[in-house]
Amino acid sequence: MPGHFEPLPGGGAAVALDDVEISIIRSLAVQLLELIGPGPAEDAPDDPLAELFADGPSEPPADPVLRRLFPDAYTDPEGTPGPQRADEQKAHSAEFRRYTENDLRAGKRENALTVVRSLDELASEAAGAGGAVLKLTPQESQQWLRALNDLRLAIGSRLEITDEDDTDLLYRLPDEDPRKPMVMAYLWLGGLQETLVTTLLP
């Protein structure tokens, strides 16, 4: 079980994590939460209906990581569109973003919070033992899977990874490269994500 997820009887998944691994994943999840930001309900606690009816942003985020996490819904897969087509895509993407981004942010925020909460519980079990086994319900497993994907997208954006060729180059980085720790985290999270996907397959 060390380093990879395995299925639990009745559903869900389990993985053994040591203190360092718990700390790394938790720190990354907290950074992701800070990047996504608070929800509208946190900004306006006196208005419980605010989040339900609030319009989201219509412009893409300025931060490249957030643009990767919340991409435009309408893009031309075959290359750069003409001016008229580009304007249409921009307008459609803005409208789609206005009605969906708040919900998307709330979902990503909840997934990351699930990671943090489950690791906090695990850390108390691991205290003095050097590690412990994380056991996730089927629902928590799905939330972890989505959170791991978001973490890899965020790190990949910082590393400017856009395709598989970029990933291959990461393996050849010299140890003194300042990106090396981030690369190691990216590859390690990818391994965790892959084994979790396999575990959850029917």
N, C-alpha and C. Protein backbone atom coordinates (compact mmCIF):
# COMPACT_ATOMS: atom_id res chain seq x y z
N MET A 1 0.80 -1.23 0.00
CA MET A 1 0.00 0.00 0.00
C MET A 1 0.84 1.29 0.00
N PRO A 2 2.08 1.29 0.51
CA PRO A 2 2.85 2.54 0.55
C PRO A 2 2.97 3.17 -0.83
N GLY A 3 2.61 4.45 -0.93
CA GLY A 3 2.80 5.17 -2.18
C GLY A 3 1.70 5.00 -3.20
N HIS A 4 0.73 4.13 -2.96
CA HIS A 4 -0.35 4.01 -3.92
C HIS A 4 -1.65 3.59 -3.23
N PHE A 5 -2.74 4.00 -3.87
CA PHE A 5 -4.06 3.69 -3.31
C PHE A 5 -4.44 2.25 -3.61
N GLU A 6 -5.19 1.66 -2.68
CA GLU A 6 -5.75 0.33 -2.86
C GLU A 6 -7.23 0.37 -2.47
N PRO A 7 -8.04 -0.51 -3.07
CA PRO A 7 -9.48 -0.48 -2.77
C PRO A 7 -9.78 -0.99 -1.37
N LEU A 8 -10.84 -0.46 -0.80
CA LEU A 8 -11.34 -0.92 0.48
C LEU A 8 -12.57 -1.79 0.26
N PRO A 9 -12.79 -2.79 1.10
CA PRO A 9 -14.02 -3.59 0.99
C PRO A 9 -15.26 -2.70 1.13
N GLY A 10 -16.17 -2.86 0.21
CA GLY A 10 -17.39 -2.06 0.26
C GLY A 10 -17.27 -0.71 -0.43
N GLY A 11 -16.12 -0.43 -1.03
CA GLY A 11 -15.92 0.84 -1.74
C GLY A 11 -14.95 1.75 -1.02
N GLY A 12 -14.52 2.78 -1.69
CA GLY A 12 -13.54 3.69 -1.11
C GLY A 12 -12.12 3.22 -1.40
N ALA A 13 -11.16 3.93 -0.84
CA ALA A 13 -9.76 3.64 -1.11
C ALA A 13 -8.92 3.96 0.11
N ALA A 14 -7.73 3.36 0.15
CA ALA A 14 -6.82 3.58 1.27
C ALA A 14 -5.40 3.73 0.75
N VAL A 15 -4.60 4.53 1.46
CA VAL A 15 -3.20 4.70 1.11
C VAL A 15 -2.41 5.00 2.38
N ALA A 16 -1.22 4.43 2.48
CA ALA A 16 -0.35 4.71 3.62
C ALA A 16 0.47 5.95 3.32
N LEU A 17 0.47 6.91 4.23
CA LEU A 17 1.22 8.16 4.07
C LEU A 17 2.07 8.39 5.31
N ASP A 18 3.31 8.85 5.09
CA ASP A 18 4.13 9.19 6.25
C ASP A 18 3.94 10.66 6.59
N ASP A 19 4.58 11.10 7.65
CA ASP A 19 4.37 12.47 8.14
C ASP A 19 4.72 13.52 7.08
N VAL A 20 5.81 13.29 6.35
CA VAL A 20 6.24 14.25 5.33
C VAL A 20 5.22 14.32 4.20
N GLU A 21 4.73 13.17 3.76
CA GLU A 21 3.75 13.15 2.67
C GLU A 21 2.45 13.83 3.10
N ILE A 22 2.02 13.57 4.33
CA ILE A 22 0.83 14.24 4.85
C ILE A 22 1.01 15.75 4.82
N SER A 23 2.17 16.21 5.28
CA SER A 23 2.45 17.64 5.34
C SER A 23 2.48 18.27 3.96
N ILE A 24 3.08 17.58 2.98
CA ILE A 24 3.19 18.13 1.62
C ILE A 24 1.82 18.28 0.99
N ILE A 25 1.03 17.21 1.03
CA ILE A 25 -0.29 17.27 0.39
C ILE A 25 -1.16 18.32 1.06
N ARG A 26 -1.12 18.37 2.39
CA ARG A 26 -1.94 19.34 3.11
C ARG A 26 -1.54 20.77 2.74
N SER A 27 -0.23 21.02 2.70
CA SER A 27 0.26 22.36 2.35
C SER A 27 -0.18 22.76 0.95
N LEU A 28 -0.10 21.84 0.00
CA LEU A 28 -0.52 22.13 -1.37
C LEU A 28 -2.02 22.40 -1.43
N ALA A 29 -2.81 21.62 -0.69
CA ALA A 29 -4.26 21.81 -0.68
C ALA A 29 -4.63 23.16 -0.08
N VAL A 30 -3.93 23.56 0.99
CA VAL A 30 -4.19 24.88 1.60
C VAL A 30 -3.83 25.99 0.62
N GLN A 31 -2.72 25.84 -0.10
CA GLN A 31 -2.34 26.85 -1.09
C GLN A 31 -3.40 26.93 -2.20
N LEU A 32 -3.94 25.78 -2.58
CA LEU A 32 -4.99 25.77 -3.59
C LEU A 32 -6.23 26.51 -3.09
N LEU A 33 -6.59 26.29 -1.83
CA LEU A 33 -7.73 26.99 -1.24
C LEU A 33 -7.51 28.50 -1.25
N GLU A 34 -6.31 28.92 -0.90
CA GLU A 34 -5.99 30.35 -0.89
C GLU A 34 -6.06 30.93 -2.29
N LEU A 35 -5.66 30.14 -3.28
CA LEU A 35 -5.69 30.60 -4.67
C LEU A 35 -7.13 30.74 -5.17
N ILE A 36 -7.96 29.73 -4.86
CA ILE A 36 -9.36 29.76 -5.30
C ILE A 36 -10.11 30.90 -4.62
N GLY A 37 -9.79 31.14 -3.35
CA GLY A 37 -10.40 32.24 -2.62
C GLY A 37 -11.69 31.85 -1.92
N PRO A 38 -12.20 32.73 -1.05
CA PRO A 38 -13.44 32.45 -0.32
C PRO A 38 -14.64 32.50 -1.22
N GLY A 39 -15.70 31.81 -0.82
CA GLY A 39 -16.93 31.84 -1.59
C GLY A 39 -17.75 33.07 -1.29
N PRO A 40 -18.74 33.38 -2.15
CA PRO A 40 -19.62 34.53 -1.92
C PRO A 40 -20.31 34.48 -0.56
N ALA A 41 -20.67 33.27 -0.09
CA ALA A 41 -21.36 33.16 1.21
C ALA A 41 -20.45 33.60 2.35
N GLU A 42 -19.12 33.39 2.18
CA GLU A 42 -18.18 33.83 3.20
C GLU A 42 -18.02 35.35 3.19
N ASP A 43 -18.18 35.92 1.98
CA ASP A 43 -18.07 37.37 1.87
C ASP A 43 -19.33 38.06 2.39
N ALA A 44 -20.49 37.37 2.31
CA ALA A 44 -21.75 37.99 2.72
C ALA A 44 -22.56 37.01 3.57
N PRO A 45 -22.09 36.75 4.79
CA PRO A 45 -22.73 35.75 5.63
C PRO A 45 -24.16 36.09 6.03
N ASP A 46 -24.56 37.38 5.95
CA ASP A 46 -25.90 37.77 6.35
C ASP A 46 -26.94 37.50 5.25
N ASP A 47 -26.49 37.10 4.07
CA ASP A 47 -27.40 36.87 2.96
C ASP A 47 -27.22 35.45 2.43
N PRO A 48 -27.95 34.47 2.98
CA PRO A 48 -27.75 33.07 2.58
C PRO A 48 -28.13 32.79 1.14
N LEU A 49 -28.92 33.67 0.51
CA LEU A 49 -29.30 33.46 -0.88
C LEU A 49 -28.33 34.14 -1.86
N ALA A 50 -27.35 34.85 -1.33
CA ALA A 50 -26.44 35.60 -2.19
C ALA A 50 -25.70 34.70 -3.16
N GLU A 51 -25.18 33.58 -2.65
CA GLU A 51 -24.40 32.70 -3.52
C GLU A 51 -25.27 32.06 -4.59
N LEU A 52 -26.51 31.74 -4.24
CA LEU A 52 -27.41 31.08 -5.18
C LEU A 52 -27.71 31.96 -6.39
N PHE A 53 -27.88 33.27 -6.15
CA PHE A 53 -28.31 34.16 -7.22
C PHE A 53 -27.19 35.08 -7.73
N ALA A 54 -26.02 35.01 -7.12
CA ALA A 54 -24.94 35.91 -7.53
C ALA A 54 -24.38 35.50 -8.88
N ASP A 55 -24.16 36.48 -9.75
CA ASP A 55 -23.48 36.23 -11.02
C ASP A 55 -22.00 36.04 -10.77
N GLY A 56 -21.41 35.14 -11.52
CA GLY A 56 -19.97 34.96 -11.44
C GLY A 56 -19.26 35.96 -12.33
N PRO A 57 -17.93 35.90 -12.38
CA PRO A 57 -17.16 36.80 -13.23
C PRO A 57 -17.39 36.46 -14.70
N SER A 58 -17.23 37.45 -15.56
CA SER A 58 -17.38 37.20 -17.00
C SER A 58 -16.03 37.19 -17.72
N GLU A 59 -14.99 37.65 -17.04
CA GLU A 59 -13.65 37.67 -17.64
C GLU A 59 -12.80 36.53 -17.07
N PRO A 60 -11.89 35.98 -17.87
CA PRO A 60 -10.99 34.94 -17.35
C PRO A 60 -10.12 35.49 -16.23
N PRO A 61 -9.71 34.64 -15.28
CA PRO A 61 -8.83 35.11 -14.20
C PRO A 61 -7.51 35.62 -14.76
N ALA A 62 -6.90 36.56 -14.05
CA ALA A 62 -5.60 37.08 -14.47
C ALA A 62 -4.49 36.08 -14.18
N ASP A 63 -4.60 35.35 -13.08
CA ASP A 63 -3.57 34.39 -12.70
C ASP A 63 -3.59 33.20 -13.66
N PRO A 64 -2.44 32.83 -14.23
CA PRO A 64 -2.40 31.72 -15.20
C PRO A 64 -2.84 30.38 -14.60
N VAL A 65 -2.60 30.18 -13.31
CA VAL A 65 -3.03 28.94 -12.68
C VAL A 65 -4.55 28.89 -12.62
N LEU A 66 -5.18 29.99 -12.23
CA LEU A 66 -6.64 30.03 -12.18
C LEU A 66 -7.24 29.91 -13.59
N ARG A 67 -6.55 30.45 -14.59
CA ARG A 67 -7.03 30.29 -15.97
C ARG A 67 -7.00 28.82 -16.38
N ARG A 68 -6.02 28.09 -15.85
CA ARG A 68 -5.93 26.64 -16.14
C ARG A 68 -7.02 25.88 -15.40
N LEU A 69 -7.32 26.31 -14.18
CA LEU A 69 -8.37 25.65 -13.40
C LEU A 69 -9.77 26.01 -13.89
N PHE A 70 -9.92 27.24 -14.42
CA PHE A 70 -11.22 27.71 -14.90
C PHE A 70 -11.06 28.23 -16.33
N PRO A 71 -10.84 27.32 -17.28
CA PRO A 71 -10.60 27.75 -18.66
C PRO A 71 -11.87 28.25 -19.34
N ASP A 72 -11.69 28.94 -20.45
CA ASP A 72 -12.83 29.35 -21.26
C ASP A 72 -13.54 28.11 -21.79
N ALA A 73 -14.85 28.16 -21.81
CA ALA A 73 -15.63 27.00 -22.26
C ALA A 73 -15.63 26.87 -23.78
N TYR A 74 -15.44 27.97 -24.48
CA TYR A 74 -15.52 27.95 -25.93
C TYR A 74 -14.18 28.36 -26.52
N THR A 75 -13.50 27.41 -27.12
CA THR A 75 -12.24 27.68 -27.82
C THR A 75 -12.23 26.89 -29.12
N ASP A 76 -11.40 27.31 -30.05
CA ASP A 76 -11.31 26.64 -31.34
C ASP A 76 -10.23 25.57 -31.27
N PRO A 77 -10.59 24.28 -31.34
CA PRO A 77 -9.60 23.22 -31.21
C PRO A 77 -8.64 23.13 -32.40
N GLU A 78 -9.00 23.78 -33.49
CA GLU A 78 -8.18 23.66 -34.70
C GLU A 78 -7.23 24.82 -34.90
N GLY A 79 -7.08 25.65 -33.90
CA GLY A 79 -6.14 26.75 -34.03
C GLY A 79 -6.77 28.09 -33.75
N THR A 80 -6.11 29.15 -34.19
CA THR A 80 -6.57 30.52 -33.95
C THR A 80 -7.74 30.84 -34.87
N PRO A 81 -8.89 31.19 -34.31
CA PRO A 81 -10.05 31.52 -35.15
C PRO A 81 -9.92 32.91 -35.75
N GLY A 82 -10.78 33.18 -36.73
CA GLY A 82 -10.81 34.52 -37.31
C GLY A 82 -11.38 35.52 -36.32
N PRO A 83 -11.27 36.82 -36.63
CA PRO A 83 -11.72 37.85 -35.68
C PRO A 83 -13.18 37.71 -35.26
N GLN A 84 -14.07 37.46 -36.24
CA GLN A 84 -15.49 37.36 -35.90
C GLN A 84 -15.74 36.14 -35.02
N ARG A 85 -15.14 35.01 -35.40
CA ARG A 85 -15.30 33.79 -34.61
C ARG A 85 -14.72 33.97 -33.21
N ALA A 86 -13.58 34.65 -33.11
CA ALA A 86 -12.94 34.88 -31.81
C ALA A 86 -13.85 35.72 -30.91
N ASP A 87 -14.49 36.73 -31.48
CA ASP A 87 -15.41 37.57 -30.70
C ASP A 87 -16.60 36.77 -30.21
N GLU A 88 -17.12 35.88 -31.07
CA GLU A 88 -18.25 35.04 -30.68
C GLU A 88 -17.86 34.09 -29.53
N GLN A 89 -16.69 33.49 -29.67
CA GLN A 89 -16.22 32.58 -28.64
C GLN A 89 -16.02 33.31 -27.31
N LYS A 90 -15.48 34.50 -27.38
CA LYS A 90 -15.27 35.29 -26.17
C LYS A 90 -16.59 35.62 -25.49
N ALA A 91 -17.59 36.01 -26.29
CA ALA A 91 -18.90 36.36 -25.73
C ALA A 91 -19.57 35.13 -25.11
N HIS A 92 -19.51 33.99 -25.79
CA HIS A 92 -20.13 32.77 -25.26
C HIS A 92 -19.41 32.31 -24.00
N SER A 93 -18.09 32.39 -24.00
CA SER A 93 -17.32 31.99 -22.82
C SER A 93 -17.63 32.87 -21.63
N ALA A 94 -17.77 34.18 -21.88
CA ALA A 94 -18.07 35.12 -20.80
C ALA A 94 -19.43 34.80 -20.19
N GLU A 95 -20.42 34.51 -21.04
CA GLU A 95 -21.76 34.19 -20.54
C GLU A 95 -21.75 32.88 -19.75
N PHE A 96 -21.04 31.88 -20.29
CA PHE A 96 -20.96 30.59 -19.60
C PHE A 96 -20.26 30.74 -18.26
N ARG A 97 -19.17 31.51 -18.24
CA ARG A 97 -18.41 31.72 -17.00
C ARG A 97 -19.27 32.43 -15.96
N ARG A 98 -20.08 33.39 -16.40
CA ARG A 98 -20.90 34.18 -15.47
C ARG A 98 -21.86 33.29 -14.69
N TYR A 99 -22.36 32.23 -15.34
CA TYR A 99 -23.37 31.38 -14.70
C TYR A 99 -22.79 30.11 -14.06
N THR A 100 -21.53 29.80 -14.32
CA THR A 100 -21.00 28.53 -13.82
C THR A 100 -19.79 28.65 -12.89
N GLU A 101 -19.02 29.74 -13.00
CA GLU A 101 -17.74 29.75 -12.28
C GLU A 101 -17.91 29.72 -10.77
N ASN A 102 -18.92 30.38 -10.24
CA ASN A 102 -19.11 30.33 -8.77
C ASN A 102 -19.32 28.90 -8.29
N ASP A 103 -20.13 28.14 -9.03
CA ASP A 103 -20.36 26.74 -8.65
C ASP A 103 -19.09 25.91 -8.80
N LEU A 104 -18.35 26.16 -9.87
CA LEU A 104 -17.10 25.42 -10.08
C LEU A 104 -16.10 25.71 -8.95
N ARG A 105 -16.01 26.97 -8.57
CA ARG A 105 -15.11 27.34 -7.47
C ARG A 105 -15.55 26.68 -6.17
N ALA A 106 -16.86 26.68 -5.92
CA ALA A 106 -17.37 26.06 -4.69
C ALA A 106 -17.04 24.57 -4.66
N GLY A 107 -17.16 23.90 -5.80
CA GLY A 107 -16.86 22.48 -5.86
C GLY A 107 -15.39 22.20 -5.63
N LYS A 108 -14.53 22.98 -6.26
CA LYS A 108 -13.08 22.80 -6.08
C LYS A 108 -12.68 23.13 -4.65
N ARG A 109 -13.32 24.13 -4.07
CA ARG A 109 -13.03 24.51 -2.69
C ARG A 109 -13.41 23.37 -1.73
N GLU A 110 -14.56 22.77 -1.96
CA GLU A 110 -15.01 21.68 -1.08
C GLU A 110 -14.13 20.45 -1.23
N ASN A 111 -13.68 20.17 -2.44
CA ASN A 111 -12.78 19.04 -2.64
C ASN A 111 -11.47 19.24 -1.88
N ALA A 112 -10.91 20.45 -1.99
CA ALA A 112 -9.65 20.73 -1.30
C ALA A 112 -9.84 20.71 0.22
N LEU A 113 -10.99 21.20 0.68
CA LEU A 113 -11.28 21.15 2.13
C LEU A 113 -11.39 19.71 2.63
N THR A 114 -11.96 18.84 1.81
CA THR A 114 -12.04 17.43 2.19
C THR A 114 -10.65 16.84 2.37
N VAL A 115 -9.74 17.20 1.47
CA VAL A 115 -8.35 16.73 1.59
C VAL A 115 -7.73 17.22 2.90
N VAL A 116 -7.88 18.51 3.17
CA VAL A 116 -7.29 19.09 4.38
C VAL A 116 -7.86 18.44 5.63
N ARG A 117 -9.19 18.30 5.68
CA ARG A 117 -9.83 17.74 6.88
C ARG A 117 -9.42 16.29 7.10
N SER A 118 -9.39 15.50 6.05
CA SER A 118 -9.03 14.09 6.22
C SER A 118 -7.56 13.94 6.61
N LEU A 119 -6.70 14.82 6.10
CA LEU A 119 -5.30 14.76 6.49
C LEU A 119 -5.09 15.25 7.92
N ASP A 120 -5.89 16.20 8.37
CA ASP A 120 -5.79 16.65 9.76
C ASP A 120 -6.15 15.50 10.72
N GLU A 121 -7.19 14.74 10.36
CA GLU A 121 -7.56 13.58 11.18
C GLU A 121 -6.44 12.53 11.16
N LEU A 122 -5.86 12.34 9.97
CA LEU A 122 -4.80 11.34 9.83
C LEU A 122 -3.56 11.74 10.61
N ALA A 123 -3.25 13.05 10.59
CA ALA A 123 -2.04 13.53 11.28
C ALA A 123 -2.11 13.24 12.77
N SER A 124 -3.31 13.35 13.35
CA SER A 124 -3.43 13.05 14.78
C SER A 124 -3.20 11.57 15.06
N GLU A 125 -3.61 10.71 14.11
CA GLU A 125 -3.36 9.28 14.25
C GLU A 125 -1.87 8.96 14.07
N ALA A 126 -1.23 9.72 13.15
CA ALA A 126 0.16 9.43 12.80
C ALA A 126 1.15 10.00 13.81
N ALA A 127 0.67 10.87 14.70
CA ALA A 127 1.58 11.52 15.65
C ALA A 127 2.37 10.48 16.44
N GLY A 128 3.68 10.57 16.34
CA GLY A 128 4.56 9.65 17.08
C GLY A 128 4.76 8.32 16.40
N ALA A 129 3.95 8.02 15.37
CA ALA A 129 4.06 6.73 14.69
C ALA A 129 4.79 6.84 13.37
N GLY A 130 5.00 8.08 12.90
CA GLY A 130 5.71 8.29 11.64
C GLY A 130 4.85 8.19 10.41
N GLY A 131 3.59 7.80 10.57
CA GLY A 131 2.69 7.67 9.43
C GLY A 131 1.43 6.94 9.82
N ALA A 132 0.50 6.85 8.88
CA ALA A 132 -0.77 6.17 9.13
C ALA A 132 -1.42 5.85 7.80
N VAL A 133 -2.50 5.08 7.86
CA VAL A 133 -3.22 4.71 6.65
C VAL A 133 -4.46 5.58 6.51
N LEU A 134 -4.52 6.31 5.40
CA LEU A 134 -5.68 7.14 5.09
C LEU A 134 -6.75 6.26 4.47
N LYS A 135 -7.94 6.28 5.06
CA LYS A 135 -9.06 5.51 4.52
C LYS A 135 -10.17 6.46 4.10
N LEU A 136 -10.57 6.36 2.85
CA LEU A 136 -11.55 7.27 2.27
C LEU A 136 -12.82 6.53 1.89
N THR A 137 -13.97 7.17 2.13
CA THR A 137 -15.24 6.65 1.65
C THR A 137 -15.29 6.81 0.14
N PRO A 138 -16.24 6.18 -0.55
CA PRO A 138 -16.36 6.39 -2.00
C PRO A 138 -16.50 7.86 -2.37
N GLN A 139 -17.32 8.61 -1.61
CA GLN A 139 -17.50 10.03 -1.92
C GLN A 139 -16.20 10.80 -1.70
N GLU A 140 -15.52 10.54 -0.58
CA GLU A 140 -14.26 11.21 -0.31
C GLU A 140 -13.22 10.85 -1.36
N SER A 141 -13.26 9.62 -1.84
CA SER A 141 -12.31 9.20 -2.87
C SER A 141 -12.49 10.03 -4.14
N GLN A 142 -13.75 10.26 -4.52
CA GLN A 142 -14.02 11.09 -5.70
C GLN A 142 -13.54 12.52 -5.49
N GLN A 143 -13.76 13.05 -4.28
CA GLN A 143 -13.31 14.41 -3.99
C GLN A 143 -11.78 14.50 -3.99
N TRP A 144 -11.13 13.50 -3.45
CA TRP A 144 -9.67 13.45 -3.48
C TRP A 144 -9.17 13.39 -4.92
N LEU A 145 -9.82 12.59 -5.74
CA LEU A 145 -9.42 12.46 -7.14
C LEU A 145 -9.49 13.80 -7.86
N ARG A 146 -10.58 14.52 -7.64
CA ARG A 146 -10.72 15.82 -8.29
C ARG A 146 -9.73 16.83 -7.73
N ALA A 147 -9.47 16.77 -6.42
CA ALA A 147 -8.50 17.69 -5.81
C ALA A 147 -7.09 17.40 -6.30
N LEU A 148 -6.71 16.13 -6.41
CA LEU A 148 -5.39 15.77 -6.94
C LEU A 148 -5.24 16.29 -8.36
N ASN A 149 -6.30 16.18 -9.14
CA ASN A 149 -6.24 16.69 -10.51
C ASN A 149 -6.03 18.21 -10.51
N ASP A 150 -6.74 18.92 -9.64
CA ASP A 150 -6.58 20.38 -9.56
C ASP A 150 -5.17 20.75 -9.11
N LEU A 151 -4.62 20.01 -8.15
CA LEU A 151 -3.26 20.29 -7.68
C LEU A 151 -2.26 20.09 -8.80
N ARG A 152 -2.43 19.04 -9.60
CA ARG A 152 -1.50 18.80 -10.71
C ARG A 152 -1.66 19.86 -11.80
N LEU A 153 -2.89 20.28 -12.05
CA LEU A 153 -3.09 21.36 -13.02
C LEU A 153 -2.41 22.65 -12.56
N ALA A 154 -2.53 22.94 -11.26
CA ALA A 154 -1.92 24.15 -10.72
C ALA A 154 -0.40 24.09 -10.81
N ILE A 155 0.18 22.97 -10.39
CA ILE A 155 1.64 22.84 -10.45
C ILE A 155 2.10 22.81 -11.91
N GLY A 156 1.36 22.08 -12.75
CA GLY A 156 1.72 22.02 -14.16
C GLY A 156 1.71 23.38 -14.82
N SER A 157 0.77 24.23 -14.41
CA SER A 157 0.72 25.59 -14.94
C SER A 157 1.95 26.38 -14.53
N ARG A 158 2.35 26.26 -13.26
CA ARG A 158 3.55 26.95 -12.79
C ARG A 158 4.80 26.45 -13.51
N LEU A 159 4.81 25.15 -13.85
CA LEU A 159 5.95 24.57 -14.56
C LEU A 159 5.85 24.76 -16.07
N GLU A 160 4.74 25.36 -16.53
CA GLU A 160 4.48 25.61 -17.95
C GLU A 160 4.42 24.32 -18.75
N ILE A 161 3.75 23.32 -18.17
CA ILE A 161 3.55 22.04 -18.86
C ILE A 161 2.27 22.15 -19.68
N THR A 162 2.39 21.93 -20.98
CA THR A 162 1.21 22.01 -21.84
C THR A 162 0.90 20.70 -22.55
N ASP A 163 1.87 19.78 -22.65
CA ASP A 163 1.62 18.48 -23.29
C ASP A 163 2.56 17.42 -22.74
N GLU A 164 2.43 16.21 -23.26
CA GLU A 164 3.20 15.07 -22.76
C GLU A 164 4.70 15.25 -22.96
N ASP A 165 5.09 15.95 -24.04
CA ASP A 165 6.52 16.19 -24.28
C ASP A 165 7.14 16.99 -23.15
N ASP A 166 6.38 17.96 -22.63
CA ASP A 166 6.87 18.76 -21.50
C ASP A 166 7.10 17.87 -20.29
N THR A 167 6.21 16.90 -20.07
CA THR A 167 6.35 15.99 -18.92
C THR A 167 7.62 15.16 -19.06
N ASP A 168 7.91 14.70 -20.27
CA ASP A 168 9.12 13.91 -20.50
C ASP A 168 10.37 14.69 -20.15
N LEU A 169 10.36 15.98 -20.43
CA LEU A 169 11.53 16.82 -20.14
C LEU A 169 11.78 16.94 -18.64
N LEU A 170 10.72 16.84 -17.85
CA LEU A 170 10.86 17.00 -16.41
C LEU A 170 11.78 15.94 -15.81
N TYR A 171 11.74 14.75 -16.37
CA TYR A 171 12.56 13.66 -15.84
C TYR A 171 14.05 13.92 -16.02
N ARG A 172 14.38 14.81 -16.97
CA ARG A 172 15.79 15.05 -17.27
C ARG A 172 16.33 16.33 -16.64
N LEU A 173 15.53 16.96 -15.78
CA LEU A 173 16.01 18.17 -15.11
C LEU A 173 17.16 17.83 -14.16
N PRO A 174 18.23 18.62 -14.13
CA PRO A 174 19.31 18.36 -13.16
C PRO A 174 18.84 18.64 -11.74
N ASP A 175 19.47 17.99 -10.79
CA ASP A 175 19.07 18.11 -9.39
C ASP A 175 19.16 19.54 -8.88
N GLU A 176 20.08 20.33 -9.44
CA GLU A 176 20.26 21.70 -8.96
C GLU A 176 19.23 22.67 -9.53
N ASP A 177 18.40 22.22 -10.45
CA ASP A 177 17.37 23.09 -11.04
C ASP A 177 16.38 23.48 -9.93
N PRO A 178 16.08 24.77 -9.77
CA PRO A 178 15.17 25.20 -8.69
C PRO A 178 13.75 24.66 -8.83
N ARG A 179 13.40 24.19 -10.02
CA ARG A 179 12.06 23.64 -10.23
C ARG A 179 11.95 22.18 -9.79
N LYS A 180 13.07 21.57 -9.44
CA LYS A 180 13.09 20.14 -9.16
C LYS A 180 12.10 19.72 -8.07
N PRO A 181 12.04 20.42 -6.91
CA PRO A 181 11.06 20.00 -5.88
C PRO A 181 9.62 20.04 -6.38
N MET A 182 9.30 21.07 -7.17
CA MET A 182 7.94 21.17 -7.70
C MET A 182 7.68 20.04 -8.71
N VAL A 183 8.71 19.71 -9.49
CA VAL A 183 8.59 18.61 -10.45
C VAL A 183 8.36 17.29 -9.72
N MET A 184 9.11 17.05 -8.65
CA MET A 184 8.95 15.81 -7.90
C MET A 184 7.54 15.71 -7.31
N ALA A 185 7.01 16.84 -6.81
CA ALA A 185 5.65 16.85 -6.28
C ALA A 185 4.64 16.56 -7.39
N TYR A 186 4.86 17.15 -8.56
CA TYR A 186 3.96 16.96 -9.71
C TYR A 186 3.91 15.48 -10.12
N LEU A 187 5.08 14.86 -10.22
CA LEU A 187 5.15 13.45 -10.64
C LEU A 187 4.57 12.53 -9.57
N TRP A 188 4.87 12.83 -8.30
CA TRP A 188 4.36 12.02 -7.20
C TRP A 188 2.84 12.08 -7.12
N LEU A 189 2.29 13.28 -7.22
CA LEU A 189 0.82 13.42 -7.20
C LEU A 189 0.20 12.71 -8.39
N GLY A 190 0.90 12.71 -9.52
CA GLY A 190 0.41 11.99 -10.69
C GLY A 190 0.31 10.50 -10.43
N GLY A 191 1.31 9.96 -9.72
CA GLY A 191 1.27 8.54 -9.37
C GLY A 191 0.12 8.23 -8.43
N LEU A 192 -0.09 9.09 -7.43
CA LEU A 192 -1.22 8.91 -6.52
C LEU A 192 -2.55 8.96 -7.27
N GLN A 193 -2.67 9.94 -8.15
CA GLN A 193 -3.90 10.11 -8.91
C GLN A 193 -4.17 8.89 -9.79
N GLU A 194 -3.14 8.39 -10.43
CA GLU A 194 -3.30 7.24 -11.31
C GLU A 194 -3.76 6.00 -10.55
N THR A 195 -3.17 5.75 -9.38
CA THR A 195 -3.58 4.57 -8.62
C THR A 195 -4.96 4.74 -8.02
N LEU A 196 -5.35 5.98 -7.72
CA LEU A 196 -6.70 6.21 -7.21
C LEU A 196 -7.73 5.98 -8.32
N VAL A 197 -7.42 6.43 -9.54
CA VAL A 197 -8.30 6.17 -10.67
C VAL A 197 -8.49 4.66 -10.86
N THR A 198 -7.38 3.93 -10.84
CA THR A 198 -7.44 2.47 -11.01
C THR A 198 -8.27 1.83 -9.91
N THR A 199 -8.08 2.31 -8.70
CA THR A 199 -8.83 1.76 -7.56
C THR A 199 -10.33 1.94 -7.70
N LEU A 200 -10.72 3.07 -8.27
CA LEU A 200 -12.14 3.39 -8.35
C LEU A 200 -12.83 2.83 -9.60
N LEU A 201 -12.05 2.23 -10.50
CA LEU A 201 -12.66 1.66 -11.69
C LEU A 201 -13.56 0.48 -11.30
N PRO A 202 -14.72 0.35 -11.96
CA PRO A 202 -15.64 -0.76 -11.63
C PRO A 202 -15.04 -2.13 -12.00
